[in-house]
PDB file of N, CA and C in Angstrom:
ATOM      1  N   MET A   1     -10.613  40.100 -15.106  1.00  0.00           N
ATOM      2  CA  MET A   1      -9.485  39.562 -14.345  1.00  0.00           C
ATOM      3  C   MET A   1      -8.532  38.842 -15.298  1.00  0.00           C
ATOM      4  N   PRO A   2      -7.225  39.144 -15.217  1.00  0.00           N
ATOM      5  CA  PRO A   2      -6.268  38.512 -16.127  1.00  0.00           C
ATOM      6  C   PRO A   2      -6.195  37.001 -15.901  1.00  0.00           C
ATOM      7  N   GLN A   3      -5.968  36.280 -16.974  1.00  0.00           N
ATOM      8  CA  GLN A   3      -5.848  34.831 -16.903  1.00  0.00           C
ATOM      9  C   GLN A   3      -4.435  34.458 -16.469  1.00  0.00           C
ATOM     10  N   LYS A   4      -4.340  33.541 -15.511  1.00  0.00           N
ATOM     11  CA  LYS A   4      -3.025  33.078 -15.060  1.00  0.00           C
ATOM     12  C   LYS A   4      -2.530  32.011 -16.035  1.00  0.00           C
ATOM     13  N   VAL A   5      -1.310  32.190 -16.514  1.00  0.00           N
ATOM     14  CA  VAL A   5      -0.721  31.271 -17.487  1.00  0.00           C
ATOM     15  C   VAL A   5       0.377  30.464 -16.799  1.00  0.00           C
ATOM     16  N   THR A   6       0.389  29.172 -17.056  1.00  0.00           N
ATOM     17  CA  THR A   6       1.430  28.313 -16.510  1.00  0.00           C
ATOM     18  C   THR A   6       2.629  28.331 -17.453  1.00  0.00           C
ATOM     19  N   ILE A   7       3.797  28.560 -16.871  1.00  0.00           N
ATOM     20  CA  ILE A   7       5.031  28.578 -17.669  1.00  0.00           C
ATOM     21  C   ILE A   7       5.700  27.212 -17.502  1.00  0.00           C
ATOM     22  N   ASP A   8       5.267  26.245 -18.308  1.00  0.00           N
ATOM     23  CA  ASP A   8       5.775  24.890 -18.161  1.00  0.00           C
ATOM     24  C   ASP A   8       6.774  24.479 -19.244  1.00  0.00           C
ATOM     25  N   LEU A   9       7.036  25.391 -20.168  1.00  0.00           N
ATOM     26  CA  LEU A   9       8.013  25.150 -21.232  1.00  0.00           C
ATOM     27  C   LEU A   9       8.785  26.432 -21.499  1.00  0.00           C
ATOM     28  N   PHE A  10       9.962  26.285 -22.060  1.00  0.00           N
ATOM     29  CA  PHE A  10      10.758  27.463 -22.402  1.00  0.00           C
ATOM     30  C   PHE A  10      10.001  28.374 -23.359  1.00  0.00           C
ATOM     31  N   ASP A  11       9.287  27.805 -24.324  1.00  0.00           N
ATOM     32  CA  ASP A  11       8.551  28.630 -25.284  1.00  0.00           C
ATOM     33  C   ASP A  11       7.531  29.528 -24.591  1.00  0.00           C
ATOM     34  N   SER A  12       6.863  29.011 -23.571  1.00  0.00           N
ATOM     35  CA  SER A  12       5.903  29.822 -22.804  1.00  0.00           C
ATOM     36  C   SER A  12       6.638  30.936 -22.077  1.00  0.00           C
ATOM     37  N   TRP A  13       7.793  30.601 -21.500  1.00  0.00           N
ATOM     38  CA  TRP A  13       8.591  31.617 -20.795  1.00  0.00           C
ATOM     39  C   TRP A  13       9.013  32.716 -21.770  1.00  0.00           C
ATOM     40  N   LEU A  14       9.461  32.300 -22.956  1.00  0.00           N
ATOM     41  CA  LEU A  14       9.944  33.269 -23.946  1.00  0.00           C
ATOM     42  C   LEU A  14       8.827  34.217 -24.384  1.00  0.00           C
ATOM     43  N   GLU A  15       7.625  33.696 -24.546  1.00  0.00           N
ATOM     44  CA  GLU A  15       6.496  34.568 -24.886  1.00  0.00           C
ATOM     45  C   GLU A  15       6.257  35.601 -23.789  1.00  0.00           C
ATOM     46  N   ALA A  16       6.225  35.140 -22.544  1.00  0.00           N
ATOM     47  CA  ALA A  16       5.997  36.046 -21.410  1.00  0.00           C
ATOM     48  C   ALA A  16       7.151  37.043 -21.287  1.00  0.00           C
ATOM     49  N   TRP A  17       8.378  36.551 -21.458  1.00  0.00           N
ATOM     50  CA  TRP A  17       9.550  37.423 -21.354  1.00  0.00           C
ATOM     51  C   TRP A  17       9.520  38.519 -22.429  1.00  0.00           C
ATOM     52  N   SER A  18       9.106  38.158 -23.633  1.00  0.00           N
ATOM     53  CA  SER A  18       9.045  39.134 -24.727  1.00  0.00           C
ATOM     54  C   SER A  18       8.069  40.265 -24.399  1.00  0.00           C
ATOM     55  N   ILE A  19       6.966  39.929 -23.771  1.00  0.00           N
ATOM     56  CA  ILE A  19       6.005  40.962 -23.354  1.00  0.00           C
ATOM     57  C   ILE A  19       6.634  41.842 -22.282  1.00  0.00           C
ATOM     58  N   TYR A  20       7.260  41.213 -21.286  1.00  0.00           N
ATOM     59  CA  TYR A  20       7.916  41.963 -20.212  1.00  0.00           C
ATOM     60  C   TYR A  20       9.006  42.874 -20.781  1.00  0.00           C
ATOM     61  N   GLU A  21       9.819  42.319 -21.674  1.00  0.00           N
ATOM     62  CA  GLU A  21      10.919  43.081 -22.273  1.00  0.00           C
ATOM     63  C   GLU A  21      10.390  44.300 -23.036  1.00  0.00           C
ATOM     64  N   ALA A  22       9.307  44.133 -23.762  1.00  0.00           N
ATOM     65  CA  ALA A  22       8.719  45.252 -24.513  1.00  0.00           C
ATOM     66  C   ALA A  22       8.223  46.351 -23.571  1.00  0.00           C
ATOM     67  N   LEU A  23       7.631  45.953 -22.459  1.00  0.00           N
ATOM     68  CA  LEU A  23       7.160  46.940 -21.480  1.00  0.00           C
ATOM     69  C   LEU A  23       8.327  47.711 -20.867  1.00  0.00           C
ATOM     70  N   VAL A  24       9.404  47.002 -20.554  1.00  0.00           N
ATOM     71  CA  VAL A  24      10.592  47.664 -19.997  1.00  0.00           C
ATOM     72  C   VAL A  24      11.205  48.597 -21.030  1.00  0.00           C
ATOM     73  N   MET A  25      11.255  48.170 -22.284  1.00  0.00           N
ATOM     74  CA  MET A  25      11.836  48.993 -23.341  1.00  0.00           C
ATOM     75  C   MET A  25      11.082  50.307 -23.521  1.00  0.00           C
ATOM     76  N   ASP A  26       9.769  50.287 -23.260  1.00  0.00           N
ATOM     77  CA  ASP A  26       8.979  51.523 -23.368  1.00  0.00           C
ATOM     78  C   ASP A  26       9.440  52.582 -22.374  1.00  0.00           C
ATOM     79  N   VAL A  27       9.869  52.150 -21.196  1.00  0.00           N
ATOM     80  CA  VAL A  27      10.244  53.120 -20.156  1.00  0.00           C
ATOM     81  C   VAL A  27      11.754  53.230 -19.932  1.00  0.00           C
ATOM     82  N   ALA A  28      12.510  52.195 -20.327  1.00  0.00           N
ATOM     83  CA  ALA A  28      13.959  52.206 -20.091  1.00  0.00           C
ATOM     84  C   ALA A  28      14.694  51.521 -21.244  1.00  0.00           C
ATOM     85  N   PRO A  29      14.731  52.151 -22.414  1.00  0.00           N
ATOM     86  CA  PRO A  29      15.337  51.505 -23.588  1.00  0.00           C
ATOM     87  C   PRO A  29      16.823  51.182 -23.439  1.00  0.00           C
ATOM     88  N   LEU A  30      17.504  51.848 -22.537  1.00  0.00           N
ATOM     89  CA  LEU A  30      18.934  51.568 -22.350  1.00  0.00           C
ATOM     90  C   LEU A  30      19.186  50.227 -21.656  1.00  0.00           C
ATOM     91  N   ARG A  31      18.145  49.579 -21.167  1.00  0.00           N
ATOM     92  CA  ARG A  31      18.305  48.289 -20.482  1.00  0.00           C
ATOM     93  C   ARG A  31      18.227  47.113 -21.456  1.00  0.00           C
ATOM     94  N   TYR A  32      18.145  47.371 -22.763  1.00  0.00           N
ATOM     95  CA  TYR A  32      17.984  46.277 -23.727  1.00  0.00           C
ATOM     96  C   TYR A  32      19.081  45.225 -23.610  1.00  0.00           C
ATOM     97  N   LYS A  33      20.339  45.641 -23.591  1.00  0.00           N
ATOM     98  CA  LYS A  33      21.447  44.675 -23.539  1.00  0.00           C
ATOM     99  C   LYS A  33      21.375  43.819 -22.282  1.00  0.00           C
ATOM    100  N   GLU A  34      21.016  44.450 -21.180  1.00  0.00           N
ATOM    101  CA  GLU A  34      20.885  43.728 -19.909  1.00  0.00           C
ATOM    102  C   GLU A  34      19.806  42.635 -20.012  1.00  0.00           C
ATOM    103  N   LEU A  35      18.655  42.988 -20.565  1.00  0.00           N
ATOM    104  CA  LEU A  35      17.556  42.031 -20.696  1.00  0.00           C
ATOM    105  C   LEU A  35      17.864  40.957 -21.736  1.00  0.00           C
ATOM    106  N   ALA A  36      18.527  41.333 -22.812  1.00  0.00           N
ATOM    107  CA  ALA A  36      18.901  40.365 -23.847  1.00  0.00           C
ATOM    108  C   ALA A  36      19.902  39.349 -23.295  1.00  0.00           C
ATOM    109  N   ARG A  37      20.807  39.813 -22.477  1.00  0.00           N
ATOM    110  CA  ARG A  37      21.790  38.914 -21.855  1.00  0.00           C
ATOM    111  C   ARG A  37      21.091  37.892 -20.953  1.00  0.00           C
ATOM    112  N   TYR A  38      20.104  38.346 -20.188  1.00  0.00           N
ATOM    113  CA  TYR A  38      19.380  37.423 -19.313  1.00  0.00           C
ATOM    114  C   TYR A  38      18.602  36.398 -20.139  1.00  0.00           C
ATOM    115  N   ARG A  39      17.966  36.843 -21.204  1.00  0.00           N
ATOM    116  CA  ARG A  39      17.251  35.917 -22.092  1.00  0.00           C
ATOM    117  C   ARG A  39      18.202  34.856 -22.614  1.00  0.00           C
ATOM    118  N   ASP A  40      19.409  35.268 -22.974  1.00  0.00           N
ATOM    119  CA  ASP A  40      20.422  34.346 -23.465  1.00  0.00           C
ATOM    120  C   ASP A  40      20.839  33.338 -22.383  1.00  0.00           C
ATOM    121  N   VAL A  41      20.996  33.806 -21.160  1.00  0.00           N
ATOM    122  CA  VAL A  41      21.360  32.916 -20.052  1.00  0.00           C
ATOM    123  C   VAL A  41      20.291  31.839 -19.864  1.00  0.00           C
ATOM    124  N   ILE A  42      19.031  32.258 -19.862  1.00  0.00           N
ATOM    125  CA  ILE A  42      17.931  31.306 -19.673  1.00  0.00           C
ATOM    126  C   ILE A  42      17.838  30.350 -20.860  1.00  0.00           C
ATOM    127  N   GLN A  43      18.024  30.861 -22.052  1.00  0.00           N
ATOM    128  CA  GLN A  43      17.959  30.009 -23.248  1.00  0.00           C
ATOM    129  C   GLN A  43      19.063  28.945 -23.224  1.00  0.00           C
ATOM    130  N   LYS A  44      20.273  29.335 -22.867  1.00  0.00           N
ATOM    131  CA  LYS A  44      21.369  28.368 -22.797  1.00  0.00           C
ATOM    132  C   LYS A  44      21.169  27.371 -21.667  1.00  0.00           C
ATOM    133  N   ALA A  45      20.666  27.835 -20.543  1.00  0.00           N
ATOM    134  CA  ALA A  45      20.390  26.927 -19.422  1.00  0.00           C
ATOM    135  C   ALA A  45      19.322  25.912 -19.821  1.00  0.00           C
ATOM    136  N   ASN A  46      18.338  26.356 -20.593  1.00  0.00           N
ATOM    137  CA  ASN A  46      17.280  25.451 -21.048  1.00  0.00           C
ATOM    138  C   ASN A  46      17.836  24.330 -21.921  1.00  0.00           C
ATOM    139  N   ARG A  47      18.872  24.616 -22.677  1.00  0.00           N
ATOM    140  CA  ARG A  47      19.487  23.584 -23.522  1.00  0.00           C
ATOM    141  C   ARG A  47      20.274  22.560 -22.693  1.00  0.00           C
ATOM    142  N   LYS A  48      20.747  22.994 -21.533  1.00  0.00           N
ATOM    143  CA  LYS A  48      21.630  22.155 -20.721  1.00  0.00           C
ATOM    144  C   LYS A  48      20.913  21.430 -19.581  1.00  0.00           C
ATOM    145  N   PHE A  49      19.853  22.015 -19.046  1.00  0.00           N
ATOM    146  CA  PHE A  49      19.194  21.485 -17.857  1.00  0.00           C
ATOM    147  C   PHE A  49      17.711  21.254 -18.128  1.00  0.00           C
ATOM    148  N   VAL A  50      17.054  20.517 -17.221  1.00  0.00           N
ATOM    149  CA  VAL A  50      15.611  20.317 -17.338  1.00  0.00           C
ATOM    150  C   VAL A  50      14.900  21.647 -17.081  1.00  0.00           C
ATOM    151  N   TRP A  51      13.778  21.858 -17.762  1.00  0.00           N
ATOM    152  CA  TRP A  51      13.105  23.141 -17.694  1.00  0.00           C
ATOM    153  C   TRP A  51      12.673  23.502 -16.274  1.00  0.00           C
ATOM    154  N   SER A  52      12.191  22.551 -15.502  1.00  0.00           N
ATOM    155  CA  SER A  52      11.715  22.873 -14.151  1.00  0.00           C
ATOM    156  C   SER A  52      12.819  23.505 -13.308  1.00  0.00           C
ATOM    157  N   ALA A  53      14.046  23.045 -13.482  1.00  0.00           N
ATOM    158  CA  ALA A  53      15.169  23.632 -12.743  1.00  0.00           C
ATOM    159  C   ALA A  53      15.489  25.035 -13.266  1.00  0.00           C
ATOM    160  N   VAL A  54      15.441  25.218 -14.569  1.00  0.00           N
ATOM    161  CA  VAL A  54      15.711  26.535 -15.161  1.00  0.00           C
ATOM    162  C   VAL A  54      14.649  27.530 -14.707  1.00  0.00           C
ATOM    163  N   TYR A  55      13.404  27.103 -14.718  1.00  0.00           N
ATOM    164  CA  TYR A  55      12.318  27.979 -14.279  1.00  0.00           C
ATOM    165  C   TYR A  55      12.470  28.328 -12.796  1.00  0.00           C
ATOM    166  N   ASN A  56      12.886  27.363 -11.999  1.00  0.00           N
ATOM    167  CA  ASN A  56      13.134  27.620 -10.580  1.00  0.00           C
ATOM    168  C   ASN A  56      14.245  28.657 -10.416  1.00  0.00           C
ATOM    169  N   TYR A  57      15.327  28.515 -11.181  1.00  0.00           N
ATOM    170  CA  TYR A  57      16.404  29.502 -11.147  1.00  0.00           C
ATOM    171  C   TYR A  57      15.859  30.883 -11.522  1.00  0.00           C
ATOM    172  N   ASP A  58      15.084  30.945 -12.610  1.00  0.00           N
ATOM    173  CA  ASP A  58      14.529  32.217 -13.074  1.00  0.00           C
ATOM    174  C   ASP A  58      13.678  32.869 -11.988  1.00  0.00           C
ATOM    175  N   ALA A  59      12.788  32.094 -11.382  1.00  0.00           N
ATOM    176  CA  ALA A  59      11.904  32.646 -10.351  1.00  0.00           C
ATOM    177  C   ALA A  59      12.701  33.145  -9.148  1.00  0.00           C
ATOM    178  N   GLN A  60      13.675  32.353  -8.701  1.00  0.00           N
ATOM    179  CA  GLN A  60      14.497  32.753  -7.554  1.00  0.00           C
ATOM    180  C   GLN A  60      15.356  33.975  -7.877  1.00  0.00           C
ATOM    181  N   PHE A  61      15.886  34.002  -9.094  1.00  0.00           N
ATOM    182  CA  PHE A  61      16.727  35.125  -9.501  1.00  0.00           C
ATOM    183  C   PHE A  61      15.924  36.421  -9.543  1.00  0.00           C
ATOM    184  N   ARG A  62      14.732  36.362 -10.170  1.00  0.00           N
ATOM    185  CA  ARG A  62      13.910  37.565 -10.261  1.00  0.00           C
ATOM    186  C   ARG A  62      13.429  38.016  -8.884  1.00  0.00           C
ATOM    187  N   LEU A  63      13.175  37.063  -8.006  1.00  0.00           N
ATOM    188  CA  LEU A  63      12.811  37.419  -6.632  1.00  0.00           C
ATOM    189  C   LEU A  63      13.966  38.146  -5.949  1.00  0.00           C
ATOM    190  N   SER A  64      15.189  37.673  -6.172  1.00  0.00           N
ATOM    191  CA  SER A  64      16.355  38.329  -5.564  1.00  0.00           C
ATOM    192  C   SER A  64      16.555  39.741  -6.122  1.00  0.00           C
ATOM    193  N   LEU A  65      16.174  39.960  -7.387  1.00  0.00           N
ATOM    194  CA  LEU A  65      16.268  41.305  -7.964  1.00  0.00           C
ATOM    195  C   LEU A  65      15.322  42.264  -7.251  1.00  0.00           C
ATOM    196  N   ASN A  66      14.168  41.768  -6.856  1.00  0.00           N
ATOM    197  CA  ASN A  66      13.213  42.610  -6.123  1.00  0.00           C
ATOM    198  C   ASN A  66      13.765  43.014  -4.763  1.00  0.00           C
ATOM    199  N   LEU A  67      14.581  42.155  -4.178  1.00  0.00           N
ATOM    200  CA  LEU A  67      15.131  42.424  -2.849  1.00  0.00           C
ATOM    201  C   LEU A  67      16.389  43.286  -2.907  1.00  0.00           C
ATOM    202  N   ASN A  68      17.064  43.297  -4.048  1.00  0.00           N
ATOM    203  CA  ASN A  68      18.307  44.045  -4.202  1.00  0.00           C
ATOM    204  C   ASN A  68      18.169  44.979  -5.401  1.00  0.00           C
ATOM    205  N   THR A  69      17.863  46.219  -5.146  1.00  0.00           N
ATOM    206  CA  THR A  69      17.575  47.154  -6.237  1.00  0.00           C
ATOM    207  C   THR A  69      18.796  47.493  -7.095  1.00  0.00           C
ATOM    208  N   SER A  70      20.004  47.206  -6.619  1.00  0.00           N
ATOM    209  CA  SER A  70      21.192  47.490  -7.428  1.00  0.00           C
ATOM    210  C   SER A  70      21.572  46.294  -8.308  1.00  0.00           C
ATOM    211  N   ALA A  71      20.915  45.153  -8.135  1.00  0.00           N
ATOM    212  CA  ALA A  71      21.213  43.970  -8.946  1.00  0.00           C
ATOM    213  C   ALA A  71      20.692  44.172 -10.368  1.00  0.00           C
ATOM    214  N   ARG A  72      21.291  43.455 -11.296  1.00  0.00           N
ATOM    215  CA  ARG A  72      20.938  43.602 -12.704  1.00  0.00           C
ATOM    216  C   ARG A  72      20.677  42.239 -13.329  1.00  0.00           C
ATOM    217  N   PHE A  73      19.890  42.238 -14.416  1.00  0.00           N
ATOM    218  CA  PHE A  73      19.584  41.005 -15.132  1.00  0.00           C
ATOM    219  C   PHE A  73      20.803  40.415 -15.844  1.00  0.00           C
ATOM    220  N   ASP A  74      21.784  41.227 -16.165  1.00  0.00           N
ATOM    221  CA  ASP A  74      22.911  40.721 -16.953  1.00  0.00           C
ATOM    222  C   ASP A  74      24.026  40.111 -16.116  1.00  0.00           C
ATOM    223  N   THR A  75      23.767  39.847 -14.851  1.00  0.00           N
ATOM    224  CA  THR A  75      24.736  39.138 -14.017  1.00  0.00           C
ATOM    225  C   THR A  75      24.151  37.790 -13.636  1.00  0.00           C
ATOM    226  N   VAL A  76      24.961  36.756 -13.697  1.00  0.00           N
ATOM    227  CA  VAL A  76      24.518  35.422 -13.301  1.00  0.00           C
ATOM    228  C   VAL A  76      24.744  35.277 -11.806  1.00  0.00           C
ATOM    229  N   ASP A  77      23.727  34.848 -11.094  1.00  0.00           N
ATOM    230  CA  ASP A  77      23.869  34.578  -9.666  1.00  0.00           C
ATOM    231  C   ASP A  77      24.490  33.193  -9.541  1.00  0.00           C
ATOM    232  N   THR A  78      25.800  33.169  -9.339  1.00  0.00           N
ATOM    233  CA  THR A  78      26.522  31.891  -9.344  1.00  0.00           C
ATOM    234  C   THR A  78      26.094  30.975  -8.197  1.00  0.00           C
ATOM    235  N   THR A  79      25.691  31.546  -7.086  1.00  0.00           N
ATOM    236  CA  THR A  79      25.217  30.713  -5.973  1.00  0.00           C
ATOM    237  C   THR A  79      23.930  29.999  -6.367  1.00  0.00           C
ATOM    238  N   LEU A  80      22.993  30.745  -6.904  1.00  0.00           N
ATOM    239  CA  LEU A  80      21.746  30.115  -7.360  1.00  0.00           C
ATOM    240  C   LEU A  80      22.019  29.116  -8.478  1.00  0.00           C
ATOM    241  N   TYR A  81      22.859  29.497  -9.404  1.00  0.00           N
ATOM    242  CA  TYR A  81      23.154  28.646 -10.556  1.00  0.00           C
ATOM    243  C   TYR A  81      23.706  27.304 -10.095  1.00  0.00           C
ATOM    244  N   THR A  82      24.668  27.342  -9.181  1.00  0.00           N
ATOM    245  CA  THR A  82      25.281  26.082  -8.743  1.00  0.00           C
ATOM    246  C   THR A  82      24.360  25.279  -7.829  1.00  0.00           C
ATOM    247  N   THR A  83      23.574  25.960  -6.999  1.00  0.00           N
ATOM    248  CA  THR A  83      22.716  25.210  -6.080  1.00  0.00           C
ATOM    249  C   THR A  83      21.463  24.677  -6.760  1.00  0.00           C
ATOM    250  N   ILE A  84      20.931  25.389  -7.723  1.00  0.00           N
ATOM    251  CA  ILE A  84      19.701  24.935  -8.377  1.00  0.00           C
ATOM    252  C   ILE A  84      19.992  24.122  -9.632  1.00  0.00           C
ATOM    253  N   LEU A  85      20.809  24.651 -10.521  1.00  0.00           N
ATOM    254  CA  LEU A  85      21.013  24.003 -11.816  1.00  0.00           C
ATOM    255  C   LEU A  85      22.089  22.928 -11.774  1.00  0.00           C
ATOM    256  N   ASP A  86      23.289  23.267 -11.354  1.00  0.00           N
ATOM    257  CA  ASP A  86      24.372  22.290 -11.355  1.00  0.00           C
ATOM    258  C   ASP A  86      24.096  21.129 -10.412  1.00  0.00           C
ATOM    259  N   LEU A  87      23.566  21.411  -9.228  1.00  0.00           N
ATOM    260  CA  LEU A  87      23.287  20.351  -8.265  1.00  0.00           C
ATOM    261  C   LEU A  87      22.221  19.408  -8.800  1.00  0.00           C
ATOM    262  N   LEU A  88      21.148  19.947  -9.360  1.00  0.00           N
ATOM    263  CA  LEU A  88      20.095  19.094  -9.908  1.00  0.00           C
ATOM    264  C   LEU A  88      20.632  18.259 -11.061  1.00  0.00           C
ATOM    265  N   HIS A  89      21.462  18.852 -11.900  1.00  0.00           N
ATOM    266  CA  HIS A  89      22.065  18.118 -13.016  1.00  0.00           C
ATOM    267  C   HIS A  89      22.887  16.945 -12.478  1.00  0.00           C
ATOM    268  N   TYR A  90      23.666  17.163 -11.427  1.00  0.00           N
ATOM    269  CA  TYR A  90      24.471  16.108 -10.812  1.00  0.00           C
ATOM    270  C   TYR A  90      23.572  14.996 -10.261  1.00  0.00           C
ATOM    271  N   VAL A  91      22.493  15.370  -9.594  1.00  0.00           N
ATOM    272  CA  VAL A  91      21.574  14.378  -9.027  1.00  0.00           C
ATOM    273  C   VAL A  91      20.936  13.547 -10.123  1.00  0.00           C
ATOM    274  N   ILE A  92      20.509  14.187 -11.212  1.00  0.00           N
ATOM    275  CA  ILE A  92      19.885  13.451 -12.318  1.00  0.00           C
ATOM    276  C   ILE A  92      20.877  12.484 -12.950  1.00  0.00           C
ATOM    277  N   ILE A  93      22.096  12.934 -13.215  1.00  0.00           N
ATOM    278  CA  ILE A  93      23.116  12.064 -13.815  1.00  0.00           C
ATOM    279  C   ILE A  93      23.419  10.896 -12.881  1.00  0.00           C
ATOM    280  N   THR A  94      23.535  11.165 -11.581  1.00  0.00           N
ATOM    281  CA  THR A  94      23.803  10.108 -10.606  1.00  0.00           C
ATOM    282  C   THR A  94      22.667   9.094 -10.593  1.00  0.00           C
ATOM    283  N   CYS A  95      21.430   9.576 -10.636  1.00  0.00           N
ATOM    284  CA  CYS A  95      20.279   8.666 -10.636  1.00  0.00           C
ATOM    285  C   CYS A  95      20.254   7.815 -11.899  1.00  0.00           C
ATOM    286  N   ILE A  96      20.527   8.422 -13.041  1.00  0.00           N
ATOM    287  CA  ILE A  96      20.548   7.673 -14.302  1.00  0.00           C
ATOM    288  C   ILE A  96      21.642   6.619 -14.256  1.00  0.00           C
ATOM    289  N   PHE A  97      22.835   6.988 -13.774  1.00  0.00           N
ATOM    290  CA  PHE A  97      23.948   6.053 -13.689  1.00  0.00           C
ATOM    291  C   PHE A  97      23.610   4.916 -12.730  1.00  0.00           C
ATOM    292  N   THR A  98      23.046   5.232 -11.571  1.00  0.00           N
ATOM    293  CA  THR A  98      22.691   4.217 -10.579  1.00  0.00           C
ATOM    294  C   THR A  98      21.624   3.289 -11.144  1.00  0.00           C
ATOM    295  N   TYR A  99      20.603   3.855 -11.798  1.00  0.00           N
ATOM    296  CA  TYR A  99      19.542   3.047 -12.386  1.00  0.00           C
ATOM    297  C   TYR A  99      20.110   2.118 -13.456  1.00  0.00           C
ATOM    298  N   THR A 100      21.031   2.611 -14.275  1.00  0.00           N
ATOM    299  CA  THR A 100      21.640   1.790 -15.326  1.00  0.00           C
ATOM    300  C   THR A 100      22.407   0.628 -14.712  1.00  0.00           C
ATOM    301  N   LEU A 101      23.170   0.907 -13.632  1.00  0.00           N
ATOM    302  CA  LEU A 101      23.918  -0.168 -12.969  1.00  0.00           C
ATOM    303  C   LEU A 101      22.982  -1.211 -12.381  1.00  0.00           C
ATOM    304  N   VAL A 102      21.891  -0.775 -11.791  1.00  0.00           N
ATOM    305  CA  VAL A 102      20.920  -1.714 -11.216  1.00  0.00           C
ATOM    306  C   VAL A 102      20.322  -2.582 -12.324  1.00  0.00           C
ATOM    307  N   CYS A 103      19.992  -1.982 -13.458  1.00  0.00           N
ATOM    308  CA  CYS A 103      19.440  -2.740 -14.573  1.00  0.00           C
ATOM    309  C   CYS A 103      20.440  -3.745 -15.112  1.00  0.00           C
ATOM    310  N   ILE A 104      21.692  -3.320 -15.227  1.00  0.00           N
ATOM    311  CA  ILE A 104      22.747  -4.240 -15.726  1.00  0.00           C
ATOM    312  C   ILE A 104      22.932  -5.380 -14.744  1.00  0.00           C
ATOM    313  N   ASN A 105      23.034  -5.048 -13.453  1.00  0.00           N
ATOM    314  CA  ASN A 105      23.197  -6.100 -12.444  1.00  0.00           C
ATOM    315  C   ASN A 105      22.016  -7.058 -12.443  1.00  0.00           C
ATOM    316  N   HIS A 106      20.816  -6.549 -12.604  1.00  0.00           N
ATOM    317  CA  HIS A 106      19.619  -7.370 -12.639  1.00  0.00           C
ATOM    318  C   HIS A 106      19.642  -8.280 -13.863  1.00  0.00           C
ATOM    319  N   ALA A 107      20.083  -7.753 -14.994  1.00  0.00           N
ATOM    320  CA  ALA A 107      20.113  -8.546 -16.236  1.00  0.00           C
ATOM    321  C   ALA A 107      21.181  -9.626 -16.162  1.00  0.00           C
ATOM    322  N   LEU A 108      22.259  -9.362 -15.433  1.00  0.00           N
ATOM    323  CA  LEU A 108      23.355 -10.329 -15.340  1.00  0.00           C
ATOM    324  C   LEU A 108      23.152 -11.354 -14.225  1.00  0.00           C
ATOM    325  N   ALA A 109      22.212 -11.096 -13.347  1.00  0.00           N
ATOM    326  CA  ALA A 109      21.968 -12.009 -12.215  1.00  0.00           C
ATOM    327  C   ALA A 109      21.448 -13.339 -12.718  1.00  0.00           C
ATOM    328  N   PRO A 110      21.885 -14.426 -12.044  1.00  0.00           N
ATOM    329  CA  PRO A 110      21.429 -15.762 -12.484  1.00  0.00           C
ATOM    330  C   PRO A 110      19.957 -15.983 -12.241  1.00  0.00           C
TER     331      PRO A 110
END
């Protein structure tokens, strides 16, 4: 029975993706650019957002590909991107800003 691996870091995702990409290349070598573009999207998102949000985007995106056979890896799902990645980024920044203000107010209180 295959061992289930947890993808908790980008490096783990990249290892798994490389295996998947190699398998696809064996049967559909013309899809290389499409798969490389998706790898690039995930890599750039990982630099900008927390990994858990990027992984959530990846899982939701790949699930949507299963439901829509004409969809491709080289297109960014802007709805998912804005609802999962941009929204979470906004919430994190807001929380950090609010926490900083609370700390400053607490430090300045008599």
